[in-house]
Protein backbone atom coordinates (compact mmCIF):
# COMPACT_ATOMS: atom_id res chain seq x y z
CA UNK A 1 -25.15 62.29 72.59
CA UNK A 2 -21.71 63.70 71.93
CA UNK A 3 -21.12 66.88 70.02
CA UNK A 4 -17.82 68.10 68.78
CA UNK A 5 -17.33 71.80 69.21
CA UNK A 6 -14.07 71.92 67.37
CA UNK A 7 -10.72 72.85 68.83
CA UNK A 8 -10.56 69.33 70.28
CA UNK A 9 -13.50 70.00 72.60
CA UNK A 10 -16.29 67.42 72.86
CA UNK A 11 -19.44 67.68 75.01
CA UNK A 12 -21.33 64.61 76.15
CA UNK A 13 -25.06 65.15 76.59
CA UNK A 14 -27.08 63.46 79.28
CA UNK A 15 -28.28 60.67 77.02
CA UNK A 16 -24.72 59.77 75.99
CA UNK A 17 -23.80 56.13 75.96
CA UNK A 18 -20.71 54.39 74.59
CA UNK A 19 -22.86 53.26 71.71
CA UNK A 20 -23.16 56.95 70.71
CA UNK A 21 -19.44 57.58 70.70
CA UNK A 22 -18.07 59.28 67.65
CA UNK A 23 -14.66 58.95 66.11
CA UNK A 24 -13.78 62.64 66.66
CA UNK A 25 -14.30 62.42 70.44
CA UNK A 26 -13.95 58.78 71.46
CA UNK A 27 -12.04 56.96 68.77
CA UNK A 28 -11.27 54.08 71.09
CA UNK A 29 -14.98 53.50 71.79
CA UNK A 30 -16.04 53.49 68.20
CA UNK A 31 -16.13 49.94 66.82
CA UNK A 32 -13.45 49.44 64.30
CA UNK A 33 -14.57 48.15 60.93
CA UNK A 34 -13.97 44.48 60.66
CA UNK A 35 -10.79 43.80 58.77
CA UNK A 36 -11.02 40.77 56.60
CA UNK A 37 -8.03 38.55 57.00
CA UNK A 38 -5.98 38.28 53.84
CA UNK A 39 -6.98 35.38 51.71
CA UNK A 40 -4.10 33.05 51.16
CA UNK A 41 -3.56 32.25 47.49
CA UNK A 42 -4.36 28.70 46.53
CA UNK A 43 -1.40 26.40 46.75
CA UNK A 44 0.48 26.12 43.48
CA UNK A 45 0.07 22.70 42.03
CA UNK A 46 2.91 21.74 39.78
CA UNK A 47 2.02 19.72 36.73
CA UNK A 48 3.45 16.22 36.86
CA UNK A 49 6.46 15.66 34.69
CA UNK A 50 5.48 14.00 31.42
CA UNK A 51 6.12 10.32 31.33
CA UNK A 52 8.73 9.23 28.86
CA UNK A 53 7.19 6.39 26.91
CA UNK A 54 9.66 4.23 25.08
CA UNK A 55 8.12 3.29 21.74
CA UNK A 56 7.94 -0.42 21.06
CA UNK A 57 10.38 -1.81 18.53
CA UNK A 58 9.03 -1.77 14.99
CA UNK A 59 7.40 -5.00 13.90
CA UNK A 60 9.46 -7.16 11.59
CA UNK A 61 8.99 -6.25 7.95
CA UNK A 62 9.18 -8.95 5.31
CA UNK A 63 11.72 -8.05 2.64
CA UNK A 64 12.03 -10.11 -0.51
CA UNK A 65 15.10 -10.09 -2.72
CA UNK A 66 15.59 -11.77 -6.04
CA UNK A 67 18.89 -13.23 -7.25
CA UNK A 68 19.09 -14.46 -10.80
CA UNK A 69 19.57 -18.22 -10.96
CA UNK A 70 21.94 -17.67 -13.88
CA UNK A 71 24.19 -15.72 -11.51
CA UNK A 72 24.06 -18.53 -8.95
CA UNK A 73 24.10 -21.65 -11.13
CA UNK A 74 25.05 -22.84 -14.56
CA UNK A 75 22.13 -23.64 -16.83
CA UNK A 76 20.29 -26.79 -15.71
CA UNK A 77 22.63 -27.17 -12.71
CA UNK A 78 22.24 -26.87 -8.92
CA UNK A 79 25.87 -26.34 -7.94
CA UNK A 80 26.86 -22.79 -7.01
CA UNK A 81 29.22 -20.86 -9.24
CA UNK A 82 31.93 -18.65 -7.68
CA UNK A 83 29.91 -15.60 -8.68
CA UNK A 84 26.87 -17.08 -6.94
CA UNK A 85 28.85 -17.73 -3.77
CA UNK A 86 29.92 -14.08 -3.72
CA UNK A 87 26.32 -12.91 -3.94
CA UNK A 88 25.24 -15.23 -1.14
CA UNK A 89 28.19 -14.04 0.96
CA UNK A 90 26.84 -10.51 0.69
CA UNK A 91 23.39 -11.74 1.70
CA UNK A 92 24.78 -13.63 4.71
CA UNK A 93 26.77 -10.56 5.78
CA UNK A 94 23.61 -8.43 5.64
CA UNK A 95 21.64 -10.90 7.76
CA UNK A 96 24.34 -11.85 10.24
CA UNK A 97 23.99 -9.96 13.52
CA UNK A 98 20.54 -8.58 12.61
CA UNK A 99 17.40 -9.68 14.38
CA UNK A 100 15.29 -11.50 11.81
CA UNK A 101 12.65 -14.15 11.61
CA UNK A 102 12.70 -17.14 9.30
CA UNK A 103 14.47 -16.92 5.96
CA UNK A 104 12.67 -18.46 2.99
CA UNK A 105 14.60 -19.37 -0.16
CA UNK A 106 12.29 -20.12 -3.10
CA UNK A 107 13.67 -21.57 -6.32
CA UNK A 108 12.05 -20.96 -9.71
CA UNK A 109 12.78 -22.33 -13.19
CA UNK A 110 11.79 -21.46 -16.73
CA UNK A 111 9.25 -23.47 -18.71
CA UNK A 112 11.77 -25.53 -20.65
CA UNK A 113 11.38 -29.18 -19.63
CA UNK A 114 8.73 -31.18 -17.80
CA UNK A 115 6.83 -30.04 -14.72
CA UNK A 116 8.37 -32.80 -12.60
CA UNK A 117 11.93 -32.11 -13.72
CA UNK A 118 11.67 -28.37 -13.14
CA UNK A 119 10.06 -28.85 -9.76
CA UNK A 120 12.93 -31.03 -8.64
CA UNK A 121 15.53 -28.64 -10.07
CA UNK A 122 14.00 -25.66 -8.23
CA UNK A 123 13.99 -27.64 -4.97
CA UNK A 124 17.65 -28.64 -5.37
CA UNK A 125 18.67 -25.05 -6.04
CA UNK A 126 16.75 -23.75 -3.01
CA UNK A 127 18.36 -26.43 -0.83
CA UNK A 128 21.80 -25.45 -2.14
CA UNK A 129 21.16 -21.83 -1.13
CA UNK A 130 19.93 -22.95 2.30
CA UNK A 131 23.00 -25.08 2.99
CA UNK A 132 25.36 -22.35 1.85
CA UNK A 133 23.75 -19.70 4.08
CA UNK A 134 23.83 -22.11 7.02
CA UNK A 135 27.51 -22.67 6.38
CA UNK A 136 28.02 -18.91 6.69
CA UNK A 137 26.77 -18.86 10.27
CA UNK A 138 23.01 -18.38 9.83
CA UNK A 139 20.72 -20.63 11.87
CA UNK A 140 19.78 -23.53 9.62
CA UNK A 141 16.62 -24.12 11.68
CA UNK A 142 15.40 -20.70 10.55
CA UNK A 143 16.00 -21.26 6.84
CA UNK A 144 13.32 -22.88 4.69
CA UNK A 145 13.93 -24.07 1.14
CA UNK A 146 10.97 -24.20 -1.26
CA UNK A 147 10.79 -25.13 -4.93
CA UNK A 148 8.09 -23.70 -7.20
CA UNK A 149 9.29 -25.20 -10.48
CA UNK A 150 7.88 -23.34 -13.45
CA UNK A 151 4.56 -22.44 -11.78
CA UNK A 152 5.38 -18.75 -11.14
CA UNK A 153 7.10 -17.36 -14.25
CA UNK A 154 7.95 -13.71 -14.70
CA UNK A 155 7.53 -13.85 -18.47
CA UNK A 156 4.13 -14.29 -20.06
CA UNK A 157 2.94 -17.41 -21.82
CA UNK A 158 2.97 -15.54 -25.13
CA UNK A 159 6.58 -14.36 -24.69
CA UNK A 160 9.66 -16.03 -26.15
CA UNK A 161 7.79 -17.71 -28.99
CA UNK A 162 8.02 -17.53 -32.74
CA UNK A 163 9.33 -19.50 -35.66
CA UNK A 164 12.56 -17.48 -35.77
CA UNK A 165 13.39 -17.94 -32.06
CA UNK A 166 16.36 -20.26 -31.76
CA UNK A 167 16.93 -22.48 -28.74
CA UNK A 168 19.62 -20.11 -27.46
CA UNK A 169 17.35 -17.11 -28.00
CA UNK A 170 14.49 -18.79 -26.12
CA UNK A 171 16.80 -19.65 -23.24
CA UNK A 172 18.01 -16.02 -23.06
CA UNK A 173 14.44 -14.71 -23.29
CA UNK A 174 13.30 -16.90 -20.38
CA UNK A 175 16.17 -15.81 -18.14
CA UNK A 176 13.92 -13.73 -15.78
CA UNK A 177 12.01 -16.91 -14.88
CA UNK A 178 15.15 -18.61 -13.57
CA UNK A 179 15.67 -17.04 -10.15
CA UNK A 180 15.84 -17.56 -6.41
CA UNK A 181 13.65 -15.35 -4.21
CA UNK A 182 14.94 -14.87 -0.67
CA UNK A 183 12.53 -13.47 1.91
CA UNK A 184 13.59 -12.37 5.40
CA UNK A 185 11.56 -10.57 8.08
CA UNK A 186 13.61 -8.02 10.00
CA UNK A 187 13.03 -4.89 12.05
CA UNK A 188 15.90 -3.24 10.19
CA UNK A 189 16.29 -2.50 6.53
CA UNK A 190 18.60 -4.95 4.84
CA UNK A 191 21.08 -3.64 2.31
CA UNK A 192 22.05 -6.43 -0.04
CA UNK A 193 24.08 -5.17 -3.02
CA UNK A 194 23.96 -8.54 -4.78
CA UNK A 195 20.18 -8.73 -4.85
CA UNK A 196 17.43 -6.48 -6.02
CA UNK A 197 14.17 -6.04 -4.09
CA UNK A 198 11.34 -8.06 -5.59
CA UNK A 199 8.46 -5.93 -6.79
CA UNK A 200 4.79 -6.68 -7.27
CA UNK A 201 4.59 -4.87 -10.60
CA UNK A 202 3.69 -6.73 -13.75
CA UNK A 203 6.73 -8.34 -15.34
CA UNK A 204 8.10 -6.70 -18.40
CA UNK A 205 7.59 -8.52 -21.66
CA UNK A 206 10.69 -10.47 -22.54
CA UNK A 207 12.22 -9.69 -25.92
CA UNK A 208 14.49 -11.52 -28.29
CA UNK A 209 18.18 -11.41 -27.63
CA UNK A 210 20.39 -9.13 -29.72
CA UNK A 211 21.84 -12.17 -31.47
CA UNK A 212 18.37 -13.38 -32.41
CA UNK A 213 17.40 -9.90 -33.58
CA UNK A 214 20.43 -9.80 -35.86
CA UNK A 215 19.54 -13.18 -37.31
CA UNK A 216 15.93 -12.13 -37.95
CA UNK A 217 15.92 -9.88 -41.09
CA UNK A 218 13.66 -6.88 -41.09
CA UNK A 219 10.75 -6.61 -43.55
CA UNK A 220 12.61 -3.90 -45.46
CA UNK A 221 15.82 -5.91 -45.91
CA UNK A 222 13.80 -8.99 -46.84
CA UNK A 223 11.99 -7.05 -49.54
CA UNK A 224 15.30 -5.75 -50.87
CA UNK A 225 16.71 -9.28 -51.03
CA UNK A 226 13.75 -10.47 -53.04
CA UNK A 227 14.22 -7.83 -55.62
């Protein structure tokens, strides 16, 4: 045993062993407390850089434009007018240089005349549009011409009728039916000033022309004339 008497004096008893050493007298013999080695921090794992995914190009979108047949052709004709050529020039300019799928030109007529005659007229007009666009540098193999005759009118069967409708008034009333629809699938929006986008809304009821309205007296004027 070891006893400290103070004043830096230590006395070892007869039963002293190194195991009984005390810090005050034999600091070198006293086991030091185990010092835990410092724990290394876990390695820093950097998050992988996000992959830049290039989005796929947008799928081609079918866009349909309608050009009035009266702007393209004279009545009952299939030869382009100068005004019609200008409108098709604008269409060709919009399509040239753009990635697009097939172009479909569909001719329509009004209901005046026989089914066979109107079918043939609509086909001739569609073919004229196809040939003109091909002549402006568009791939003729990608242009399809279709004629629908008078099978898909815009006006209703009850429109443009009446005992006071003249032939000229009927022709003017049926003008919306005479048209060429041009459909092109493209990944880019096509701006075609000469054409208006075709819509799926119900067609507006055709009305009499102003000339026909002037010729048709109102009920009030008719009553005054009978007086």
